[in-house]
N, C-alpha and C. Protein backbone atom coordinates (compact mmCIF):
# COMPACT_ATOMS: atom_id res chain seq x y z
N MET A 1 1.70 11.97 15.58
CA MET A 1 0.60 12.37 14.68
C MET A 1 -0.55 11.41 14.88
N GLY A 2 -1.79 11.91 14.90
CA GLY A 2 -2.93 11.04 15.11
C GLY A 2 -4.08 11.80 15.70
N SER A 3 -4.93 11.08 16.46
CA SER A 3 -6.15 11.68 16.97
C SER A 3 -5.90 12.84 17.92
N ARG A 4 -4.79 12.80 18.69
CA ARG A 4 -4.55 13.90 19.63
C ARG A 4 -4.23 15.20 18.92
N HIS A 5 -3.88 15.12 17.64
CA HIS A 5 -3.64 16.32 16.84
C HIS A 5 -4.80 16.60 15.89
N GLY A 6 -5.86 15.83 16.01
CA GLY A 6 -7.01 16.02 15.14
C GLY A 6 -6.78 15.55 13.72
N ILE A 7 -5.85 14.62 13.53
CA ILE A 7 -5.52 14.11 12.20
C ILE A 7 -5.80 12.62 12.15
N ARG A 8 -6.60 12.20 11.21
CA ARG A 8 -6.83 10.77 10.99
C ARG A 8 -5.66 10.23 10.17
N ALA A 9 -4.99 9.20 10.66
CA ALA A 9 -3.79 8.68 9.98
C ALA A 9 -3.85 7.16 9.94
N ILE A 10 -3.43 6.59 8.82
CA ILE A 10 -3.43 5.15 8.62
C ILE A 10 -2.02 4.70 8.26
N ALA A 11 -1.52 3.69 8.98
CA ALA A 11 -0.21 3.13 8.65
C ALA A 11 -0.36 2.19 7.46
N PHE A 12 0.47 2.41 6.46
CA PHE A 12 0.40 1.63 5.22
C PHE A 12 1.77 1.04 4.96
N LYS A 13 1.85 -0.29 4.83
CA LYS A 13 3.12 -1.00 4.66
C LYS A 13 3.98 -0.85 5.93
N GLY A 14 5.30 -0.87 5.78
CA GLY A 14 6.20 -0.66 6.90
C GLY A 14 6.05 -1.68 8.03
N PRO A 15 6.40 -1.27 9.27
CA PRO A 15 6.33 -2.19 10.41
C PRO A 15 4.94 -2.76 10.66
N ALA A 16 3.91 -1.97 10.41
CA ALA A 16 2.55 -2.47 10.63
C ALA A 16 2.26 -3.67 9.73
N LEU A 17 2.65 -3.57 8.47
CA LEU A 17 2.43 -4.69 7.54
C LEU A 17 3.27 -5.89 7.94
N ALA A 18 4.50 -5.66 8.39
CA ALA A 18 5.35 -6.77 8.84
C ALA A 18 4.70 -7.54 9.98
N ILE A 19 4.13 -6.82 10.92
CA ILE A 19 3.46 -7.47 12.05
C ILE A 19 2.19 -8.18 11.58
N GLN A 20 1.43 -7.55 10.70
CA GLN A 20 0.21 -8.17 10.19
C GLN A 20 0.49 -9.48 9.47
N LEU A 21 1.49 -9.49 8.60
CA LEU A 21 1.72 -10.65 7.74
C LEU A 21 2.69 -11.67 8.31
N TYR A 22 3.71 -11.20 9.03
CA TYR A 22 4.78 -12.10 9.45
C TYR A 22 4.91 -12.25 10.96
N GLY A 23 4.15 -11.43 11.72
CA GLY A 23 4.14 -11.58 13.17
C GLY A 23 5.17 -10.75 13.91
N LYS A 24 6.22 -10.30 13.20
CA LYS A 24 7.26 -9.48 13.83
C LYS A 24 7.72 -8.41 12.85
N ALA A 25 8.01 -7.24 13.39
CA ALA A 25 8.48 -6.14 12.54
C ALA A 25 9.83 -6.47 11.90
N SER A 26 10.64 -7.31 12.59
CA SER A 26 11.98 -7.63 12.10
C SER A 26 11.99 -8.61 10.93
N LEU A 27 10.84 -9.19 10.60
CA LEU A 27 10.79 -10.20 9.55
C LEU A 27 10.50 -9.63 8.17
N ARG A 28 10.41 -8.32 8.08
CA ARG A 28 10.23 -7.68 6.77
C ARG A 28 11.06 -6.41 6.74
N GLN A 29 11.94 -6.28 5.75
CA GLN A 29 12.78 -5.10 5.65
C GLN A 29 11.96 -3.89 5.23
N CYS A 30 12.18 -2.77 5.90
CA CYS A 30 11.45 -1.53 5.61
C CYS A 30 12.45 -0.41 5.37
N ARG A 31 12.31 0.28 4.24
CA ARG A 31 13.20 1.40 3.94
C ARG A 31 12.67 2.71 4.51
N ASP A 32 11.34 2.76 4.73
CA ASP A 32 10.73 4.01 5.21
C ASP A 32 9.41 3.69 5.87
N LEU A 33 8.79 4.73 6.40
CA LEU A 33 7.45 4.63 6.98
C LEU A 33 6.47 5.28 6.02
N ASP A 34 5.30 4.67 5.87
CA ASP A 34 4.28 5.21 4.98
C ASP A 34 3.04 5.53 5.81
N ILE A 35 2.64 6.80 5.79
CA ILE A 35 1.46 7.26 6.52
C ILE A 35 0.47 7.85 5.52
N PHE A 36 -0.77 7.40 5.58
CA PHE A 36 -1.83 7.82 4.67
C PHE A 36 -2.78 8.73 5.43
N VAL A 37 -2.97 9.96 4.94
CA VAL A 37 -3.88 10.91 5.58
C VAL A 37 -4.77 11.54 4.51
N ALA A 38 -5.83 12.18 4.95
CA ALA A 38 -6.69 12.90 4.01
C ALA A 38 -5.92 14.09 3.42
N LYS A 39 -6.18 14.37 2.15
CA LYS A 39 -5.43 15.41 1.46
C LYS A 39 -5.55 16.76 2.17
N ASN A 40 -6.73 17.08 2.69
CA ASN A 40 -6.89 18.38 3.34
C ASN A 40 -6.22 18.45 4.72
N ASP A 41 -5.71 17.30 5.20
CA ASP A 41 -4.98 17.28 6.47
C ASP A 41 -3.47 17.38 6.28
N ILE A 42 -3.01 17.44 5.03
CA ILE A 42 -1.57 17.49 4.78
C ILE A 42 -0.90 18.67 5.49
N PRO A 43 -1.44 19.90 5.42
CA PRO A 43 -0.77 21.02 6.12
C PRO A 43 -0.62 20.77 7.62
N LYS A 44 -1.68 20.24 8.26
CA LYS A 44 -1.60 19.97 9.69
C LYS A 44 -0.58 18.86 9.98
N ALA A 45 -0.59 17.83 9.14
CA ALA A 45 0.35 16.72 9.34
C ALA A 45 1.79 17.20 9.20
N LEU A 46 2.04 18.05 8.21
CA LEU A 46 3.38 18.58 8.04
C LEU A 46 3.82 19.40 9.25
N LYS A 47 2.91 20.16 9.80
CA LYS A 47 3.23 20.96 10.99
C LYS A 47 3.66 20.08 12.15
N VAL A 48 2.92 18.97 12.34
CA VAL A 48 3.26 18.03 13.42
C VAL A 48 4.63 17.39 13.15
N LEU A 49 4.87 16.98 11.91
CA LEU A 49 6.13 16.32 11.57
C LEU A 49 7.32 17.28 11.68
N TYR A 50 7.13 18.51 11.26
CA TYR A 50 8.20 19.50 11.41
C TYR A 50 8.56 19.67 12.88
N ALA A 51 7.54 19.71 13.74
CA ALA A 51 7.77 19.87 15.17
C ALA A 51 8.48 18.65 15.77
N SER A 52 8.39 17.51 15.08
CA SER A 52 9.02 16.28 15.54
C SER A 52 10.40 16.07 14.91
N GLY A 53 10.91 17.09 14.24
CA GLY A 53 12.26 17.02 13.71
C GLY A 53 12.39 16.52 12.29
N TYR A 54 11.27 16.43 11.57
CA TYR A 54 11.32 16.01 10.17
C TYR A 54 11.47 17.24 9.26
N ARG A 55 12.05 17.00 8.11
CA ARG A 55 12.17 18.04 7.08
C ARG A 55 11.83 17.42 5.73
N ILE A 56 11.35 18.24 4.83
CA ILE A 56 11.06 17.79 3.47
C ILE A 56 12.36 17.42 2.77
N ASP A 57 12.39 16.27 2.10
CA ASP A 57 13.56 15.89 1.34
C ASP A 57 13.83 16.92 0.24
N ALA A 58 15.11 17.13 -0.06
CA ALA A 58 15.50 18.17 -1.01
C ALA A 58 14.82 18.01 -2.36
N SER A 59 14.53 16.78 -2.76
CA SER A 59 13.91 16.55 -4.07
C SER A 59 12.49 17.09 -4.15
N TYR A 60 11.87 17.39 -3.00
CA TYR A 60 10.51 17.90 -2.99
C TYR A 60 10.44 19.38 -2.64
N VAL A 61 11.55 19.97 -2.25
CA VAL A 61 11.55 21.40 -1.89
C VAL A 61 11.21 22.22 -3.13
N GLY A 62 10.29 23.15 -2.96
CA GLY A 62 9.89 24.01 -4.07
C GLY A 62 8.87 23.38 -5.00
N ARG A 63 8.38 22.19 -4.64
CA ARG A 63 7.39 21.52 -5.47
C ARG A 63 5.99 21.99 -5.08
N ALA A 64 5.62 23.18 -5.48
CA ALA A 64 4.32 23.74 -5.11
C ALA A 64 3.17 22.95 -5.72
N ASP A 65 3.45 22.20 -6.79
CA ASP A 65 2.40 21.47 -7.47
C ASP A 65 2.29 20.02 -6.99
N ALA A 66 3.03 19.65 -5.94
CA ALA A 66 3.08 18.25 -5.52
C ALA A 66 1.70 17.68 -5.18
N LEU A 67 0.87 18.47 -4.49
CA LEU A 67 -0.44 17.96 -4.10
C LEU A 67 -1.32 17.66 -5.31
N ARG A 68 -1.01 18.27 -6.43
CA ARG A 68 -1.80 18.06 -7.64
C ARG A 68 -1.21 16.98 -8.54
N THR A 69 0.11 16.84 -8.52
CA THR A 69 0.76 15.97 -9.50
C THR A 69 1.38 14.71 -8.91
N ASP A 70 1.46 14.64 -7.59
CA ASP A 70 2.12 13.49 -6.96
C ASP A 70 1.15 12.78 -6.02
N LYS A 71 1.66 11.82 -5.25
CA LYS A 71 0.83 11.08 -4.30
C LYS A 71 1.36 11.14 -2.88
N HIS A 72 2.58 11.62 -2.69
CA HIS A 72 3.15 11.69 -1.36
C HIS A 72 4.29 12.71 -1.33
N LEU A 73 4.70 13.04 -0.11
CA LEU A 73 5.90 13.84 0.13
C LEU A 73 6.86 12.98 0.95
N LEU A 74 8.13 13.08 0.64
CA LEU A 74 9.16 12.37 1.40
C LEU A 74 9.76 13.30 2.44
N LEU A 75 9.77 12.85 3.69
CA LEU A 75 10.36 13.62 4.78
C LEU A 75 11.44 12.78 5.44
N ILE A 76 12.43 13.45 6.03
CA ILE A 76 13.53 12.78 6.70
C ILE A 76 13.70 13.36 8.09
N GLN A 77 13.84 12.48 9.09
CA GLN A 77 14.03 12.92 10.45
C GLN A 77 15.48 13.36 10.64
N ASN A 78 15.67 14.57 11.16
CA ASN A 78 17.01 15.17 11.20
C ASN A 78 18.02 14.36 12.00
N GLU A 79 17.62 13.80 13.14
CA GLU A 79 18.58 13.11 14.01
C GLU A 79 18.76 11.65 13.62
N SER A 80 17.67 10.94 13.35
CA SER A 80 17.75 9.51 13.08
C SER A 80 17.88 9.17 11.60
N ALA A 81 17.57 10.14 10.73
CA ALA A 81 17.56 9.95 9.27
C ALA A 81 16.47 8.97 8.82
N VAL A 82 15.49 8.72 9.68
CA VAL A 82 14.35 7.88 9.30
C VAL A 82 13.57 8.59 8.18
N LYS A 83 13.22 7.82 7.16
CA LYS A 83 12.45 8.38 6.04
C LYS A 83 10.97 8.09 6.24
N LEU A 84 10.15 9.07 5.94
CA LEU A 84 8.69 8.93 6.08
C LEU A 84 8.02 9.48 4.83
N GLU A 85 7.16 8.67 4.24
CA GLU A 85 6.38 9.13 3.10
C GLU A 85 4.97 9.47 3.59
N LEU A 86 4.61 10.73 3.43
CA LEU A 86 3.29 11.21 3.83
C LEU A 86 2.39 11.17 2.60
N HIS A 87 1.49 10.18 2.57
CA HIS A 87 0.63 9.94 1.41
C HIS A 87 -0.73 10.64 1.56
N TRP A 88 -1.23 11.15 0.46
CA TRP A 88 -2.63 11.55 0.35
C TRP A 88 -3.32 10.75 -0.74
N ALA A 89 -2.57 9.90 -1.43
CA ALA A 89 -3.11 8.99 -2.45
C ALA A 89 -2.21 7.77 -2.51
N ILE A 90 -2.72 6.69 -3.10
CA ILE A 90 -1.95 5.45 -3.21
C ILE A 90 -1.25 5.36 -4.55
N ALA A 91 -1.80 6.00 -5.57
CA ALA A 91 -1.20 5.97 -6.90
C ALA A 91 -1.19 7.38 -7.48
N LEU A 92 -0.31 7.61 -8.45
CA LEU A 92 -0.23 8.91 -9.11
C LEU A 92 -1.54 9.24 -9.82
N PRO A 93 -1.87 10.52 -9.96
CA PRO A 93 -3.17 10.93 -10.52
C PRO A 93 -3.48 10.32 -11.89
N TYR A 94 -2.47 10.15 -12.74
CA TYR A 94 -2.76 9.67 -14.09
C TYR A 94 -3.25 8.23 -14.12
N ARG A 95 -3.09 7.50 -13.02
CA ARG A 95 -3.57 6.12 -12.96
C ARG A 95 -5.06 6.05 -12.64
N HIS A 96 -5.65 7.15 -12.22
CA HIS A 96 -7.11 7.22 -11.98
C HIS A 96 -7.59 6.14 -11.02
N PHE A 97 -6.79 5.86 -10.00
CA PHE A 97 -7.16 4.88 -8.98
C PHE A 97 -8.03 5.58 -7.94
N ARG A 98 -9.25 5.11 -7.76
CA ARG A 98 -10.25 5.91 -7.05
C ARG A 98 -10.50 5.48 -5.60
N LEU A 99 -9.54 4.85 -4.96
CA LEU A 99 -9.72 4.50 -3.55
C LEU A 99 -9.42 5.73 -2.69
N ARG A 100 -10.45 6.25 -2.04
CA ARG A 100 -10.33 7.50 -1.28
C ARG A 100 -9.96 7.24 0.18
N PHE A 101 -9.33 8.22 0.79
CA PHE A 101 -8.93 8.08 2.19
C PHE A 101 -10.14 7.80 3.08
N ASP A 102 -11.23 8.54 2.89
CA ASP A 102 -12.40 8.35 3.75
C ASP A 102 -12.91 6.92 3.69
N THR A 103 -12.86 6.30 2.53
CA THR A 103 -13.30 4.91 2.40
C THR A 103 -12.38 3.98 3.20
N VAL A 104 -11.07 4.17 3.04
CA VAL A 104 -10.11 3.35 3.79
C VAL A 104 -10.28 3.56 5.28
N TRP A 105 -10.51 4.80 5.70
CA TRP A 105 -10.69 5.10 7.12
C TRP A 105 -11.96 4.43 7.66
N ASP A 106 -13.02 4.48 6.92
CA ASP A 106 -14.28 3.88 7.37
C ASP A 106 -14.16 2.36 7.52
N HIS A 107 -13.31 1.74 6.72
CA HIS A 107 -13.13 0.27 6.76
C HIS A 107 -11.98 -0.15 7.69
N ARG A 108 -11.29 0.77 8.30
CA ARG A 108 -10.01 0.52 8.97
C ARG A 108 -10.10 -0.56 10.05
N GLU A 109 -8.94 -1.19 10.27
CA GLU A 109 -8.75 -2.11 11.38
C GLU A 109 -7.61 -1.56 12.24
N GLU A 110 -7.20 -2.31 13.25
CA GLU A 110 -6.13 -1.84 14.13
C GLU A 110 -5.10 -2.94 14.36
N VAL A 111 -3.85 -2.52 14.59
CA VAL A 111 -2.78 -3.47 14.90
C VAL A 111 -1.87 -2.80 15.92
N ALA A 112 -1.29 -3.60 16.81
CA ALA A 112 -0.36 -3.07 17.82
C ALA A 112 1.04 -3.06 17.24
N VAL A 113 1.67 -1.89 17.23
CA VAL A 113 3.04 -1.74 16.72
C VAL A 113 3.90 -1.18 17.84
N PHE A 114 4.80 -2.01 18.37
CA PHE A 114 5.69 -1.59 19.46
C PHE A 114 4.90 -0.99 20.63
N GLY A 115 3.78 -1.64 20.97
CA GLY A 115 2.99 -1.23 22.12
C GLY A 115 1.99 -0.12 21.86
N THR A 116 1.93 0.37 20.64
CA THR A 116 0.99 1.43 20.29
C THR A 116 -0.01 0.90 19.27
N THR A 117 -1.29 1.15 19.50
CA THR A 117 -2.32 0.72 18.57
C THR A 117 -2.44 1.74 17.44
N VAL A 118 -2.31 1.26 16.21
CA VAL A 118 -2.39 2.15 15.06
C VAL A 118 -3.45 1.65 14.09
N ALA A 119 -4.04 2.57 13.35
CA ALA A 119 -5.03 2.23 12.34
C ALA A 119 -4.32 1.72 11.09
N VAL A 120 -4.89 0.67 10.49
CA VAL A 120 -4.36 0.10 9.25
C VAL A 120 -5.55 -0.17 8.32
N PRO A 121 -5.29 -0.32 7.02
CA PRO A 121 -6.39 -0.60 6.10
C PRO A 121 -7.04 -1.96 6.41
N SER A 122 -8.30 -2.10 6.04
CA SER A 122 -8.96 -3.39 6.16
C SER A 122 -8.27 -4.40 5.26
N LYS A 123 -8.52 -5.68 5.47
CA LYS A 123 -7.86 -6.72 4.68
C LYS A 123 -8.12 -6.54 3.18
N ASN A 124 -9.38 -6.33 2.82
CA ASN A 124 -9.69 -6.18 1.39
C ASN A 124 -9.02 -4.95 0.80
N ASP A 125 -9.11 -3.81 1.51
CA ASP A 125 -8.48 -2.59 1.01
C ASP A 125 -6.97 -2.77 0.91
N LEU A 126 -6.39 -3.41 1.91
CA LEU A 126 -4.93 -3.56 1.94
C LEU A 126 -4.43 -4.41 0.79
N LEU A 127 -5.09 -5.52 0.49
CA LEU A 127 -4.62 -6.38 -0.59
C LEU A 127 -4.68 -5.63 -1.93
N ILE A 128 -5.75 -4.88 -2.14
CA ILE A 128 -5.85 -4.08 -3.36
C ILE A 128 -4.75 -3.03 -3.39
N MET A 129 -4.50 -2.36 -2.27
CA MET A 129 -3.46 -1.33 -2.20
C MET A 129 -2.08 -1.90 -2.47
N LEU A 130 -1.81 -3.10 -1.96
CA LEU A 130 -0.52 -3.73 -2.20
C LEU A 130 -0.33 -4.07 -3.68
N CYS A 131 -1.40 -4.53 -4.32
CA CYS A 131 -1.32 -4.84 -5.75
C CYS A 131 -1.11 -3.57 -6.57
N ILE A 132 -1.79 -2.50 -6.19
CA ILE A 132 -1.62 -1.22 -6.88
C ILE A 132 -0.19 -0.70 -6.69
N HIS A 133 0.30 -0.79 -5.48
CA HIS A 133 1.66 -0.30 -5.21
C HIS A 133 2.69 -1.07 -6.04
N GLY A 134 2.60 -2.39 -6.03
CA GLY A 134 3.55 -3.19 -6.79
C GLY A 134 3.48 -2.89 -8.28
N SER A 135 2.27 -2.79 -8.81
CA SER A 135 2.10 -2.50 -10.23
C SER A 135 2.61 -1.12 -10.58
N SER A 136 2.39 -0.15 -9.70
CA SER A 136 2.85 1.22 -9.94
C SER A 136 4.37 1.29 -10.06
N HIS A 137 5.04 0.38 -9.36
CA HIS A 137 6.51 0.34 -9.38
C HIS A 137 7.03 -0.82 -10.23
N TYR A 138 6.18 -1.35 -11.08
CA TYR A 138 6.55 -2.39 -12.04
C TYR A 138 7.12 -3.65 -11.38
N TRP A 139 6.71 -3.90 -10.12
CA TRP A 139 7.11 -5.11 -9.40
C TRP A 139 8.62 -5.30 -9.42
N THR A 140 9.35 -4.22 -9.19
CA THR A 140 10.81 -4.29 -9.23
C THR A 140 11.42 -4.88 -7.96
N SER A 141 10.60 -5.14 -6.94
CA SER A 141 11.10 -5.75 -5.70
C SER A 141 10.36 -7.07 -5.47
N LEU A 142 11.13 -8.14 -5.28
CA LEU A 142 10.53 -9.44 -4.99
C LEU A 142 9.75 -9.41 -3.67
N LYS A 143 10.17 -8.53 -2.77
CA LYS A 143 9.49 -8.40 -1.47
C LYS A 143 8.00 -8.16 -1.64
N TRP A 144 7.63 -7.33 -2.61
CA TRP A 144 6.22 -6.99 -2.80
C TRP A 144 5.41 -8.21 -3.26
N VAL A 145 6.02 -9.07 -4.06
CA VAL A 145 5.35 -10.31 -4.48
C VAL A 145 5.20 -11.23 -3.28
N CYS A 146 6.24 -11.32 -2.46
CA CYS A 146 6.18 -12.15 -1.26
C CYS A 146 5.09 -11.66 -0.30
N ASP A 147 4.90 -10.36 -0.22
CA ASP A 147 3.84 -9.81 0.64
C ASP A 147 2.46 -10.29 0.19
N ILE A 148 2.22 -10.28 -1.13
CA ILE A 148 0.93 -10.74 -1.63
C ILE A 148 0.73 -12.21 -1.29
N ALA A 149 1.76 -13.02 -1.50
CA ALA A 149 1.67 -14.45 -1.18
C ALA A 149 1.45 -14.67 0.32
N ALA A 150 2.18 -13.92 1.14
CA ALA A 150 2.01 -14.04 2.59
C ALA A 150 0.61 -13.63 3.02
N PHE A 151 0.08 -12.60 2.37
CA PHE A 151 -1.28 -12.14 2.68
C PHE A 151 -2.29 -13.25 2.39
N ILE A 152 -2.15 -13.90 1.23
CA ILE A 152 -3.10 -14.95 0.85
C ILE A 152 -2.99 -16.14 1.81
N ARG A 153 -1.78 -16.47 2.24
CA ARG A 153 -1.61 -17.56 3.21
C ARG A 153 -2.17 -17.18 4.58
N LYS A 154 -1.95 -15.93 4.97
CA LYS A 154 -2.38 -15.47 6.30
C LYS A 154 -3.90 -15.43 6.42
N TYR A 155 -4.57 -15.06 5.33
CA TYR A 155 -6.02 -14.90 5.35
C TYR A 155 -6.67 -15.80 4.29
N PRO A 156 -6.76 -17.11 4.58
CA PRO A 156 -7.29 -18.06 3.58
C PRO A 156 -8.78 -17.88 3.30
N ASP A 157 -9.48 -17.16 4.17
CA ASP A 157 -10.93 -17.01 4.00
C ASP A 157 -11.30 -15.66 3.39
N LEU A 158 -10.43 -15.11 2.57
CA LEU A 158 -10.72 -13.84 1.91
C LEU A 158 -11.99 -13.94 1.08
N ASP A 159 -12.74 -12.85 1.05
CA ASP A 159 -13.95 -12.80 0.23
C ASP A 159 -13.54 -12.39 -1.18
N TRP A 160 -13.18 -13.37 -1.99
CA TRP A 160 -12.66 -13.09 -3.33
C TRP A 160 -13.69 -12.44 -4.24
N MET A 161 -14.94 -12.80 -4.06
CA MET A 161 -15.99 -12.19 -4.88
C MET A 161 -16.09 -10.69 -4.59
N GLN A 162 -16.01 -10.34 -3.31
CA GLN A 162 -16.07 -8.93 -2.94
C GLN A 162 -14.82 -8.20 -3.42
N LEU A 163 -13.66 -8.86 -3.30
CA LEU A 163 -12.43 -8.26 -3.79
C LEU A 163 -12.51 -7.99 -5.28
N ARG A 164 -13.06 -8.95 -6.02
CA ARG A 164 -13.22 -8.79 -7.46
C ARG A 164 -14.10 -7.58 -7.77
N ALA A 165 -15.23 -7.49 -7.05
CA ALA A 165 -16.16 -6.38 -7.26
C ALA A 165 -15.52 -5.04 -6.90
N ASP A 166 -14.78 -5.02 -5.79
CA ASP A 166 -14.13 -3.77 -5.36
C ASP A 166 -13.07 -3.33 -6.36
N ALA A 167 -12.25 -4.28 -6.82
CA ALA A 167 -11.18 -3.94 -7.76
C ALA A 167 -11.74 -3.45 -9.08
N LYS A 168 -12.82 -4.07 -9.54
CA LYS A 168 -13.44 -3.62 -10.79
C LYS A 168 -14.03 -2.22 -10.62
N LYS A 169 -14.65 -1.97 -9.49
CA LYS A 169 -15.24 -0.66 -9.23
C LYS A 169 -14.16 0.42 -9.19
N LEU A 170 -13.00 0.07 -8.66
CA LEU A 170 -11.91 1.03 -8.53
C LEU A 170 -11.09 1.16 -9.81
N GLY A 171 -11.39 0.33 -10.79
CA GLY A 171 -10.69 0.41 -12.06
C GLY A 171 -9.29 -0.18 -12.04
N CYS A 172 -9.06 -1.16 -11.16
CA CYS A 172 -7.71 -1.73 -11.04
C CYS A 172 -7.72 -3.26 -11.09
N TRP A 173 -8.73 -3.82 -11.74
CA TRP A 173 -8.88 -5.27 -11.73
C TRP A 173 -7.67 -5.98 -12.31
N ARG A 174 -7.14 -5.48 -13.43
CA ARG A 174 -5.99 -6.15 -14.04
C ARG A 174 -4.73 -6.02 -13.17
N MET A 175 -4.55 -4.89 -12.52
CA MET A 175 -3.41 -4.73 -11.62
C MET A 175 -3.53 -5.69 -10.44
N PHE A 176 -4.77 -5.86 -9.96
CA PHE A 176 -5.01 -6.83 -8.88
C PHE A 176 -4.70 -8.24 -9.36
N LEU A 177 -5.22 -8.60 -10.54
CA LEU A 177 -4.97 -9.92 -11.09
C LEU A 177 -3.48 -10.17 -11.28
N LEU A 178 -2.75 -9.15 -11.73
CA LEU A 178 -1.31 -9.30 -11.95
C LEU A 178 -0.60 -9.61 -10.63
N GLY A 179 -0.94 -8.89 -9.57
CA GLY A 179 -0.32 -9.14 -8.27
C GLY A 179 -0.58 -10.55 -7.78
N VAL A 180 -1.81 -10.99 -7.91
CA VAL A 180 -2.18 -12.35 -7.49
C VAL A 180 -1.49 -13.39 -8.36
N SER A 181 -1.41 -13.12 -9.67
CA SER A 181 -0.75 -14.04 -10.59
C SER A 181 0.72 -14.22 -10.24
N LEU A 182 1.40 -13.12 -9.91
CA LEU A 182 2.81 -13.21 -9.54
C LEU A 182 2.99 -13.97 -8.23
N ALA A 183 2.09 -13.73 -7.27
CA ALA A 183 2.18 -14.47 -6.00
C ALA A 183 2.04 -15.97 -6.23
N LYS A 184 1.17 -16.34 -7.17
CA LYS A 184 0.98 -17.75 -7.50
C LYS A 184 2.18 -18.30 -8.27
N GLY A 185 2.59 -17.58 -9.31
CA GLY A 185 3.62 -18.10 -10.20
C GLY A 185 5.02 -18.07 -9.63
N VAL A 186 5.33 -17.05 -8.80
CA VAL A 186 6.69 -16.89 -8.28
C VAL A 186 6.85 -17.57 -6.93
N VAL A 187 5.85 -17.44 -6.06
CA VAL A 187 5.98 -17.91 -4.68
C VAL A 187 5.14 -19.16 -4.42
N GLY A 188 4.18 -19.45 -5.29
CA GLY A 188 3.37 -20.66 -5.12
C GLY A 188 2.13 -20.47 -4.28
N ALA A 189 1.63 -19.24 -4.17
CA ALA A 189 0.41 -19.00 -3.40
C ALA A 189 -0.77 -19.72 -4.04
N GLU A 190 -1.64 -20.26 -3.21
CA GLU A 190 -2.83 -20.95 -3.70
C GLU A 190 -3.98 -19.96 -3.83
N ILE A 191 -4.62 -19.96 -4.98
CA ILE A 191 -5.74 -19.05 -5.22
C ILE A 191 -6.95 -19.85 -5.66
N PRO A 192 -8.16 -19.30 -5.51
CA PRO A 192 -9.37 -20.03 -5.89
C PRO A 192 -9.37 -20.41 -7.37
N SER A 193 -10.03 -21.52 -7.69
CA SER A 193 -10.03 -22.03 -9.06
C SER A 193 -10.69 -21.06 -10.03
N ASP A 194 -11.74 -20.34 -9.60
CA ASP A 194 -12.39 -19.41 -10.52
C ASP A 194 -11.49 -18.23 -10.84
N LEU A 195 -10.62 -17.85 -9.88
CA LEU A 195 -9.67 -16.79 -10.14
C LEU A 195 -8.57 -17.28 -11.09
N GLU A 196 -8.15 -18.50 -10.92
CA GLU A 196 -7.18 -19.09 -11.85
C GLU A 196 -7.76 -19.10 -13.26
N HIS A 197 -9.04 -19.40 -13.37
CA HIS A 197 -9.71 -19.42 -14.67
C HIS A 197 -9.66 -18.04 -15.32
N GLU A 198 -9.91 -16.99 -14.52
CA GLU A 198 -9.85 -15.63 -15.06
C GLU A 198 -8.44 -15.28 -15.51
N LEU A 199 -7.45 -15.74 -14.75
CA LEU A 199 -6.06 -15.48 -15.12
C LEU A 199 -5.72 -16.15 -16.45
N MET A 200 -6.18 -17.37 -16.61
CA MET A 200 -5.89 -18.10 -17.84
C MET A 200 -6.53 -17.45 -19.06
N ASN A 201 -7.68 -16.81 -18.85
CA ASN A 201 -8.43 -16.21 -19.96
C ASN A 201 -8.00 -14.78 -20.28
N ASP A 202 -7.21 -14.17 -19.41
CA ASP A 202 -6.79 -12.78 -19.63
C ASP A 202 -5.38 -12.80 -20.21
N THR A 203 -5.27 -12.71 -21.52
CA THR A 203 -3.97 -12.80 -22.18
C THR A 203 -3.05 -11.64 -21.82
N THR A 204 -3.64 -10.46 -21.56
CA THR A 204 -2.82 -9.30 -21.20
C THR A 204 -2.12 -9.52 -19.87
N VAL A 205 -2.87 -9.97 -18.87
CA VAL A 205 -2.28 -10.23 -17.56
C VAL A 205 -1.25 -11.35 -17.65
N ARG A 206 -1.54 -12.38 -18.40
CA ARG A 206 -0.59 -13.48 -18.56
C ARG A 206 0.71 -12.99 -19.18
N LYS A 207 0.60 -12.12 -20.17
CA LYS A 207 1.78 -11.58 -20.83
C LYS A 207 2.59 -10.72 -19.86
N LEU A 208 1.91 -9.85 -19.13
CA LEU A 208 2.59 -8.99 -18.16
C LEU A 208 3.24 -9.82 -17.05
N ALA A 209 2.54 -10.85 -16.59
CA ALA A 209 3.10 -11.71 -15.54
C ALA A 209 4.35 -12.42 -16.04
N GLY A 210 4.33 -12.89 -17.28
CA GLY A 210 5.48 -13.56 -17.85
C GLY A 210 6.68 -12.64 -17.96
N GLU A 211 6.43 -11.41 -18.45
CA GLU A 211 7.50 -10.44 -18.60
C GLU A 211 8.09 -10.06 -17.24
N THR A 212 7.21 -9.87 -16.27
CA THR A 212 7.67 -9.49 -14.93
C THR A 212 8.44 -10.64 -14.29
N HIS A 213 7.94 -11.85 -14.45
CA HIS A 213 8.62 -13.03 -13.89
C HIS A 213 10.02 -13.16 -14.49
N ASP A 214 10.15 -12.98 -15.79
CA ASP A 214 11.46 -13.09 -16.43
C ASP A 214 12.42 -12.01 -15.95
N ARG A 215 11.88 -10.79 -15.79
CA ARG A 215 12.71 -9.67 -15.34
C ARG A 215 13.19 -9.89 -13.91
């Protein structure tokens, strides 16, 4: 799936993220592959995946409303049993997270995965997406916190002011703050002093971070 099929596709998490943050795909456990495409490309993407031996997971069969009520479809490869999540959004509709595919595509970067160059989100978009993903799943996996910490260590020159502006514009500033707070509190990631000041002054984020840390 990709440009040869006329489909713009972005690798999100999975082996691409492992290589970006840790240098090797084997250094981060992956349960599935996550591919982000434009919503209007979903029918074409499904056609390509079906031809490659994938099938819709039984839990999604008959879900005619999935494109309206969900953010992805789960597919399974018949021979290898590899799981693939085909995303058209990063968060469920009720979260009102407004990061659009076209924006992520316009900002995209590239990474080599097993000898193939694939599109991935830009650093700023990716850090926000990781924080949204973790918050959407209530940070139930320590791996997601470690990813945020690894990201901050890997890219010490992040434009935090721009990240702050982007997160506020997208309506996810507190979810972003929570992800960064957990990376600092659980793994020891170093963050800018002005961001620490914001964390200290936001009692809601501090409360959520404490509850999540305890859990």
